[in-house]
Amino acid sequence: MKIRARDLAVVIVFLGILYAVFFLNLLKPADELSYSERRKLAQFPELNAETILSAEAMEGFDDYAVDQIAFREQWRRLKARFDLNVWLKTDNNAIFVEGGQVFKTEYPIRENSVTRLCGILNYVNRRYLAGLNVRYALVPDKNYYLPDKSGHLVLDYQAMSGLIRDNMDAEIKEISLFDALTADSYYLTDAHWKQETLAPVVNAVAEGFGSALRFDGNAYTEKTYAPFYGVYYGQSALDVEPDTLTYLVSGTTENAVVTSIEKPGEVLPVYDESQLGGMDSYNIFLLGPQAVVRVENPGSPGGKELIIFRDSYAGSLAPLLLDGYAAVTLIDLRYIRADLVGDYADFSGDPDVLFLYSATLFNTSDSVQSPPQEEFVSPFLARSER
């Protein structure tokens, strides 16, 4: 009798928990966004004869049930701890923590991706940049600065640098940034570099173009926002400390005139503080992802301009280069095809041109749009022409 009573109690408790979770999820309002994962969550599917007969409703409900489960973040953290502490995995979804800093494994080198991006940049160079002062710079991801690489797979950055050098047009010279950065140059919970650490990068870029510009910390006032939850904070599902985001304000950044082809007619700020606390606070820097952004410096004594073909790293660097130029134009080939760039950017007037891309984007360049096939310069052709 005692055994039967105990079994009955176990069944009752189990069913109680099961039904409690069921009704809790049933009554819980659906969340629209996951800030930790930076994505929209699945919503309850539309129910009608067509979606039910095609099984679309059931598939949609599966996604909805996974995304909207109660205590979802707690379950994710529990799974991450279980994987690391019980299964003794070295990472969780390719993300790991070393010395309080969060890293994401990027491995191995994808040669086709690297040469593909080189080919697109060669296309831009040959179509628009003949006779201009053109440079490229590879931004190493923070895995390069891991204090101990023995337990983790990391890219061979020297091999990647050599691959890029071999496949870029010979007249495009390299600006090396490897010695201008350290592990402390990057956020703890994000892939990006911290703007307040970029003085050596500013100086390296200026020297690469023969510019007299040098970073002057006295010209800037630091403003901060906390907590800043970088992209790895949510992806890791681990208990890590959030960052403080610092942005540098000066008379130049305050008076700059920012325009974007995606917001015609609007004059925008260098630092859009409305982005702080949103899905990605890093978008405070020059509007975040945009096809073409132009930043004019009314206080510049000269007329020299800088054009940067870039990924997201340039957003925080460009404001610090503005003191050396009358204008800085940012072009993101993930959002505009290279053959259309000439409609929105002016290459006359002998501007300096910088191709600034992270190792991560070189290694995963599918997001960069290819020019029309009949005009595309093959990286293998570019190499054979040398």
Protein backbone atom coordinates (compact mmCIF):
# COMPACT_ATOMS: atom_id res chain seq x y z
CA MET A 1 0.00 0.00 0.00
CA LYS A 2 2.83 2.37 0.86
CA ILE A 3 4.49 1.72 -2.51
CA ARG A 4 1.20 2.25 -4.36
CA ALA A 5 0.56 5.50 -2.47
CA ARG A 6 4.06 6.72 -3.27
CA ASP A 7 3.66 5.86 -6.97
CA LEU A 8 0.31 7.64 -7.03
CA ALA A 9 1.88 10.71 -5.43
CA VAL A 10 4.63 10.75 -8.07
CA VAL A 11 2.05 10.51 -10.87
CA ILE A 12 -0.05 13.30 -9.35
CA VAL A 13 2.97 15.58 -8.93
CA PHE A 14 4.15 14.83 -12.47
CA LEU A 15 0.72 15.53 -13.98
CA GLY A 16 0.41 18.64 -11.83
CA ILE A 17 3.68 20.01 -13.15
CA LEU A 18 2.78 19.03 -16.72
CA TYR A 19 -0.61 20.74 -16.62
CA ALA A 20 0.76 23.76 -14.74
CA VAL A 21 3.38 24.30 -17.45
CA PHE A 22 0.75 23.75 -20.14
CA PHE A 23 -1.66 26.34 -18.74
CA LEU A 24 1.17 28.75 -17.93
CA ASN A 25 2.29 28.67 -21.54
CA LEU A 26 -1.32 28.91 -22.70
CA LEU A 27 -1.98 32.04 -20.64
CA LYS A 28 1.40 33.68 -21.13
CA PRO A 29 1.33 36.64 -23.58
CA ALA A 30 3.50 36.03 -26.64
CA ASP A 31 6.78 37.93 -26.68
CA GLU A 32 7.51 39.69 -29.96
CA LEU A 33 11.29 39.90 -29.68
CA SER A 34 14.17 38.13 -28.01
CA TYR A 35 16.66 40.82 -27.05
CA SER A 36 19.23 38.26 -25.95
CA GLU A 37 19.13 36.49 -29.33
CA ARG A 38 18.42 39.66 -31.31
CA ARG A 39 15.62 38.21 -33.38
CA LYS A 40 11.86 38.15 -33.76
CA LEU A 41 10.11 35.25 -32.05
CA ALA A 42 7.56 33.05 -33.80
CA GLN A 43 3.93 34.04 -33.23
CA PHE A 44 0.81 31.89 -33.04
CA PRO A 45 0.04 30.71 -36.60
CA GLU A 46 -3.00 31.76 -38.56
CA LEU A 47 -5.63 29.02 -38.45
CA ASN A 48 -7.77 28.43 -41.53
CA ALA A 49 -8.62 25.51 -43.79
CA GLU A 50 -5.63 26.10 -46.07
CA THR A 51 -2.98 26.26 -43.32
CA ILE A 52 -4.47 23.30 -41.47
CA LEU A 53 -4.70 21.04 -44.55
CA SER A 54 -1.18 21.95 -45.70
CA ALA A 55 0.32 21.32 -42.24
CA GLU A 56 1.58 24.91 -42.27
CA ALA A 57 -0.36 25.64 -39.09
CA MET A 58 1.20 22.70 -37.26
CA GLU A 59 4.71 23.66 -38.34
CA GLY A 60 4.06 27.23 -37.27
CA PHE A 61 2.78 26.02 -33.92
CA ASP A 62 5.94 23.98 -33.38
CA ASP A 63 8.05 27.10 -33.89
CA TYR A 64 5.70 29.12 -31.70
CA ALA A 65 5.81 26.56 -28.86
CA VAL A 66 9.62 26.52 -28.84
CA ASP A 67 10.01 30.31 -29.01
CA GLN A 68 7.28 31.19 -26.51
CA ILE A 69 7.85 28.60 -23.78
CA ALA A 70 7.72 30.09 -20.29
CA PHE A 71 11.08 30.71 -18.60
CA ARG A 72 12.77 30.31 -21.97
CA GLU A 73 15.94 32.19 -20.98
CA GLN A 74 16.28 30.12 -17.81
CA TRP A 75 15.97 26.89 -19.81
CA ARG A 76 18.66 28.11 -22.22
CA ARG A 77 21.02 28.87 -19.34
CA LEU A 78 20.32 25.50 -17.75
CA LYS A 79 21.14 23.72 -21.03
CA ALA A 80 24.36 25.71 -21.45
CA ARG A 81 25.52 24.87 -17.93
CA PHE A 82 24.65 21.22 -18.45
CA ASP A 83 26.65 21.06 -21.68
CA LEU A 84 29.70 22.72 -20.13
CA ASN A 85 29.68 21.20 -16.66
CA VAL A 86 28.18 17.73 -17.22
CA TRP A 87 29.12 16.88 -20.80
CA LEU A 88 32.34 18.87 -20.36
CA LYS A 89 32.02 20.57 -23.73
CA THR A 90 34.50 23.35 -24.46
CA ASP A 91 31.83 25.64 -25.91
CA ASN A 92 28.10 26.22 -26.14
CA ASN A 93 26.89 26.71 -29.72
CA ALA A 94 30.51 27.53 -30.72
CA ILE A 95 30.70 30.19 -27.99
CA PHE A 96 33.07 29.95 -25.05
CA VAL A 97 34.30 32.09 -22.17
CA GLU A 98 37.96 32.75 -21.46
CA GLY A 99 39.10 35.14 -18.74
CA GLY A 100 35.65 36.67 -18.38
CA GLN A 101 35.48 37.47 -22.11
CA VAL A 102 33.11 35.74 -24.52
CA PHE A 103 34.47 34.38 -27.81
CA LYS A 104 32.91 32.65 -30.80
CA THR A 105 34.77 30.00 -32.76
CA GLU A 106 35.44 31.00 -36.39
CA TYR A 107 37.16 28.09 -38.10
CA PRO A 108 38.50 27.02 -40.58
CA ILE A 109 39.52 29.50 -43.28
CA ARG A 110 37.01 29.33 -46.12
CA GLU A 111 39.25 30.12 -49.06
CA ASN A 112 36.39 30.44 -51.55
CA SER A 113 34.73 33.05 -49.34
CA VAL A 114 37.95 35.03 -48.92
CA THR A 115 38.77 35.03 -52.63
CA ARG A 116 35.15 35.86 -53.48
CA LEU A 117 35.26 39.06 -51.41
CA CYS A 118 38.66 39.94 -52.88
CA GLY A 119 37.14 39.58 -56.34
CA ILE A 120 34.30 41.96 -55.48
CA LEU A 121 36.74 44.52 -54.09
CA ASN A 122 38.88 44.19 -57.21
CA TYR A 123 35.75 44.87 -59.25
CA VAL A 124 35.14 48.07 -57.27
CA ASN A 125 38.77 49.08 -57.66
CA ARG A 126 38.79 48.58 -61.43
CA ARG A 127 35.43 50.19 -62.04
CA TYR A 128 35.71 53.30 -59.84
CA LEU A 129 39.12 53.80 -58.25
CA ALA A 130 41.72 54.05 -61.04
CA GLY A 131 44.48 56.47 -60.01
CA LEU A 132 43.20 56.92 -56.44
CA ASN A 133 45.03 56.27 -53.17
CA VAL A 134 43.50 52.90 -52.24
CA ARG A 135 44.31 50.79 -49.17
CA TYR A 136 42.83 47.76 -47.44
CA ALA A 137 42.90 46.72 -43.79
CA LEU A 138 41.93 43.39 -42.23
CA VAL A 139 40.31 43.68 -38.79
CA PRO A 140 41.32 40.57 -36.81
CA ASP A 141 38.53 39.16 -34.66
CA LYS A 142 39.31 39.03 -30.96
CA ASN A 143 40.15 35.31 -31.09
CA TYR A 144 43.54 36.39 -32.47
CA TYR A 145 44.32 37.84 -29.03
CA LEU A 146 43.28 34.81 -26.99
CA PRO A 147 45.88 34.38 -24.25
CA ASP A 148 45.89 30.62 -24.71
CA LYS A 149 44.81 29.23 -28.06
CA SER A 150 45.70 25.62 -27.26
CA GLY A 151 42.22 24.57 -26.22
CA HIS A 152 40.28 26.29 -28.99
CA LEU A 153 40.22 26.25 -32.77
CA VAL A 154 41.25 29.62 -34.22
CA LEU A 155 41.93 30.89 -37.70
CA ASP A 156 45.44 31.02 -39.09
CA TYR A 157 45.38 34.80 -39.43
CA GLN A 158 48.75 35.00 -41.16
CA ALA A 159 47.50 32.54 -43.77
CA MET A 160 44.34 34.59 -44.23
CA SER A 161 46.39 37.78 -44.58
CA GLY A 162 48.54 36.10 -47.22
CA LEU A 163 45.50 34.80 -49.08
CA ILE A 164 43.98 38.29 -49.19
CA ARG A 165 47.27 39.82 -50.28
CA ASP A 166 47.64 37.28 -53.09
CA ASN A 167 44.13 37.90 -54.41
CA MET A 168 43.83 41.69 -54.15
CA ASP A 169 44.90 43.90 -57.05
CA ALA A 170 48.61 44.63 -56.63
CA GLU A 171 48.19 48.41 -56.43
CA ILE A 172 45.96 48.14 -53.31
CA LYS A 173 48.39 48.31 -50.40
CA GLU A 174 47.76 46.83 -46.95
CA ILE A 175 47.44 48.70 -43.66
CA SER A 176 48.15 46.18 -40.91
CA LEU A 177 46.06 46.52 -37.73
CA PHE A 178 47.29 43.44 -35.85
CA ASP A 179 49.70 45.42 -33.66
CA ALA A 180 47.22 48.28 -33.19
CA LEU A 181 44.79 46.12 -31.19
CA THR A 182 44.81 43.92 -28.08
CA ALA A 183 42.26 41.69 -26.36
CA ASP A 184 41.16 44.75 -24.35
CA SER A 185 40.26 46.53 -27.60
CA TYR A 186 37.09 44.41 -27.84
CA TYR A 187 33.91 44.24 -25.79
CA LEU A 188 33.61 41.37 -23.34
CA THR A 189 30.23 40.26 -24.72
CA ASP A 190 30.43 41.42 -28.33
CA ALA A 191 32.54 40.86 -31.44
CA HIS A 192 33.17 44.57 -32.07
CA TRP A 193 36.05 46.75 -30.99
CA LYS A 194 35.57 49.49 -28.38
CA GLN A 195 35.71 53.00 -29.80
CA GLU A 196 37.68 54.40 -26.86
CA THR A 197 40.57 52.01 -27.63
CA LEU A 198 40.99 52.91 -31.32
CA ALA A 199 43.67 55.61 -31.11
CA PRO A 200 46.35 53.22 -32.53
CA VAL A 201 43.97 52.21 -35.34
CA VAL A 202 43.26 55.86 -36.23
CA ASN A 203 47.00 56.57 -36.35
CA ALA A 204 47.74 53.43 -38.40
CA VAL A 205 45.09 54.35 -40.99
CA ALA A 206 46.29 57.95 -41.16
CA GLU A 207 49.91 56.86 -41.61
CA GLY A 208 48.83 54.39 -44.30
CA PHE A 209 47.39 57.26 -46.34
CA GLY A 210 50.21 59.69 -45.56
CA SER A 211 47.81 61.90 -43.59
CA ALA A 212 48.96 64.21 -40.78
CA LEU A 213 45.92 63.22 -38.68
CA ARG A 214 46.76 61.80 -35.26
CA PHE A 215 44.29 60.88 -32.54
CA ASP A 216 44.00 63.56 -29.84
CA GLY A 217 42.22 62.22 -26.78
CA ASN A 218 41.91 65.72 -25.31
CA ALA A 219 39.52 66.67 -28.11
CA TYR A 220 36.91 64.15 -26.96
CA THR A 221 34.51 63.75 -24.07
CA GLU A 222 33.53 60.22 -23.11
CA LYS A 223 29.86 59.35 -22.76
CA THR A 224 28.81 55.95 -21.47
CA TYR A 225 25.84 53.64 -21.49
CA ALA A 226 25.37 50.55 -19.33
CA PRO A 227 24.53 47.77 -19.32
CA PHE A 228 25.47 46.95 -22.89
CA TYR A 229 24.54 43.39 -23.82
CA GLY A 230 26.65 42.40 -26.80
CA VAL A 231 25.65 39.82 -29.38
CA TYR A 232 27.47 37.02 -27.54
CA TYR A 233 25.75 37.76 -24.24
CA GLY A 234 22.48 36.20 -25.37
CA GLN A 235 23.96 33.63 -27.72
CA SER A 236 26.15 32.17 -24.99
CA ALA A 237 23.23 31.74 -22.53
CA LEU A 238 25.88 31.98 -19.80
CA ASP A 239 26.19 34.17 -16.74
CA VAL A 240 28.65 36.81 -17.92
CA GLU A 241 28.95 40.44 -16.98
CA PRO A 242 27.53 42.95 -19.48
CA ASP A 243 29.70 45.72 -20.89
CA THR A 244 29.74 49.49 -20.66
CA LEU A 245 29.49 51.12 -24.09
CA THR A 246 31.58 54.29 -24.44
CA TYR A 247 31.29 56.78 -27.29
CA LEU A 248 33.55 59.77 -27.92
CA VAL A 249 31.99 63.16 -28.53
CA SER A 250 33.79 66.24 -29.84
CA GLY A 251 32.96 69.50 -31.52
CA THR A 252 33.56 67.79 -34.84
CA THR A 253 31.10 64.95 -34.17
CA GLU A 254 28.51 67.36 -32.75
CA ASN A 255 28.62 69.62 -35.82
CA ALA A 256 28.93 66.90 -38.46
CA VAL A 257 26.17 66.55 -41.06
CA VAL A 258 25.13 62.92 -41.54
CA THR A 259 22.94 61.76 -44.42
CA SER A 260 21.84 58.31 -45.61
CA ILE A 261 20.39 57.19 -48.92
CA GLU A 262 17.87 55.18 -46.91
CA LYS A 263 16.58 58.34 -45.17
CA PRO A 264 16.56 60.97 -47.93
CA GLY A 265 16.17 64.56 -46.82
CA GLU A 266 17.00 63.88 -43.16
CA VAL A 267 20.00 65.25 -41.30
CA LEU A 268 21.06 62.64 -38.79
CA PRO A 269 23.45 62.49 -35.79
CA VAL A 270 26.81 60.78 -35.65
CA TYR A 271 25.59 59.07 -32.47
CA ASP A 272 21.93 58.10 -32.50
CA GLU A 273 21.27 57.78 -28.76
CA SER A 274 17.76 56.43 -29.40
CA GLN A 275 19.45 53.12 -30.28
CA LEU A 276 20.72 52.67 -26.71
CA GLY A 277 18.75 49.95 -24.94
CA GLY A 278 17.31 48.67 -28.21
CA MET A 279 17.92 45.41 -30.02
CA ASP A 280 21.56 46.34 -30.64
CA SER A 281 22.97 49.36 -28.82
CA TYR A 282 26.07 49.25 -31.05
CA ASN A 283 23.86 50.81 -33.73
CA ILE A 284 24.43 54.14 -31.97
CA PHE A 285 27.48 54.49 -34.23
CA LEU A 286 26.52 56.14 -37.53
CA LEU A 287 23.05 54.62 -37.85
CA GLY A 288 24.10 50.97 -37.75
CA PRO A 289 23.55 48.89 -40.90
CA GLN A 290 23.08 51.25 -43.86
CA ALA A 291 23.92 51.02 -47.57
CA VAL A 292 25.56 54.44 -47.99
CA VAL A 293 26.15 57.00 -45.24
CA ARG A 294 27.92 60.32 -45.80
CA VAL A 295 29.37 62.36 -42.91
CA GLU A 296 30.42 65.92 -43.71
CA ASN A 297 32.77 67.95 -41.51
CA PRO A 298 31.91 71.67 -41.93
CA GLY A 299 34.97 72.65 -39.88
CA SER A 300 37.50 70.96 -42.13
CA PRO A 301 40.10 73.39 -43.54
CA GLY A 302 40.73 71.20 -46.61
CA GLY A 303 38.65 69.42 -49.19
CA LYS A 304 40.12 65.91 -48.93
CA GLU A 305 37.54 63.13 -48.52
CA LEU A 306 37.68 59.51 -47.38
CA ILE A 307 35.55 56.66 -48.73
CA ILE A 308 35.34 53.46 -46.68
CA PHE A 309 33.95 50.20 -48.03
CA ARG A 310 33.08 48.52 -44.80
CA ASP A 311 31.29 46.21 -42.44
CA SER A 312 30.00 47.19 -39.00
CA TYR A 313 33.45 47.86 -37.48
CA ALA A 314 33.81 51.10 -39.42
CA GLY A 315 30.78 52.64 -37.74
CA SER A 316 32.72 53.40 -34.57
CA LEU A 317 36.02 54.19 -36.32
CA ALA A 318 34.78 56.72 -38.90
CA PRO A 319 33.86 59.48 -36.36
CA LEU A 320 37.47 59.44 -35.12
CA LEU A 321 38.82 59.89 -38.67
CA LEU A 322 36.55 62.84 -39.41
CA ASP A 323 39.01 65.46 -38.09
CA GLY A 324 41.33 64.60 -40.98
CA TYR A 325 38.77 64.89 -43.77
CA ALA A 326 36.11 67.19 -45.17
CA ALA A 327 33.79 64.17 -45.46
CA VAL A 328 33.77 60.45 -44.84
CA THR A 329 31.48 58.21 -46.92
CA LEU A 330 30.67 54.69 -45.69
CA ILE A 331 29.57 52.09 -48.25
CA ASP A 332 28.32 48.67 -47.17
CA LEU A 333 28.26 46.17 -50.03
CA ARG A 334 25.99 43.88 -48.04
CA TYR A 335 23.16 46.33 -48.73
CA ILE A 336 24.04 47.75 -52.15
CA ARG A 337 25.48 46.04 -55.22
CA ALA A 338 28.91 47.21 -56.31
CA ASP A 339 27.71 48.15 -59.81
CA LEU A 340 25.19 50.60 -58.26
CA VAL A 341 27.64 52.36 -55.94
CA GLY A 342 28.52 55.02 -58.52
CA ASP A 343 24.94 56.32 -58.41
CA TYR A 344 25.30 57.28 -54.74
CA ALA A 345 29.00 57.98 -54.11
CA ASP A 346 31.31 60.54 -55.74
CA PHE A 347 34.80 59.28 -56.58
CA SER A 348 35.98 62.54 -58.16
CA GLY A 349 38.20 64.96 -56.27
CA ASP A 350 40.95 62.41 -55.49
CA PRO A 351 39.53 60.88 -52.29
CA ASP A 352 41.38 58.35 -50.15
CA VAL A 353 39.69 54.93 -50.32
CA LEU A 354 39.84 52.25 -47.64
CA PHE A 355 38.53 48.68 -47.80
CA LEU A 356 37.99 47.86 -44.11
CA TYR A 357 36.66 44.36 -43.40
CA SER A 358 36.79 41.98 -40.48
CA ALA A 359 38.27 38.50 -40.69
CA THR A 360 34.79 37.18 -39.92
CA LEU A 361 33.25 38.84 -42.98
CA PHE A 362 36.09 37.71 -45.24
CA ASN A 363 35.43 34.18 -44.00
CA THR A 364 31.64 34.41 -44.43
CA SER A 365 31.25 36.76 -47.38
CA ASP A 366 27.96 35.38 -48.74
CA SER A 367 26.15 38.45 -47.38
CA VAL A 368 28.16 40.72 -49.69
CA GLN A 369 26.30 41.24 -52.94
CA SER A 370 27.97 40.18 -56.18
CA PRO A 371 28.02 42.47 -59.22
CA PRO A 372 26.36 41.19 -62.42
CA GLN A 373 28.12 38.03 -63.55
CA GLU A 374 29.08 39.45 -66.93
CA GLU A 375 30.97 42.29 -65.19
CA PHE A 376 32.38 40.38 -62.23
CA VAL A 377 36.19 40.18 -61.96
CA SER A 378 37.11 36.65 -60.94
CA PRO A 379 39.65 36.59 -58.09
CA PHE A 380 41.48 33.79 -59.93
CA LEU A 381 41.70 35.99 -63.04
CA ALA A 382 42.92 38.89 -60.91
CA ARG A 383 45.68 36.67 -59.53
CA SER A 384 46.73 35.31 -62.94
CA GLU A 385 46.99 38.81 -64.44
CA ARG A 386 49.85 39.75 -62.11
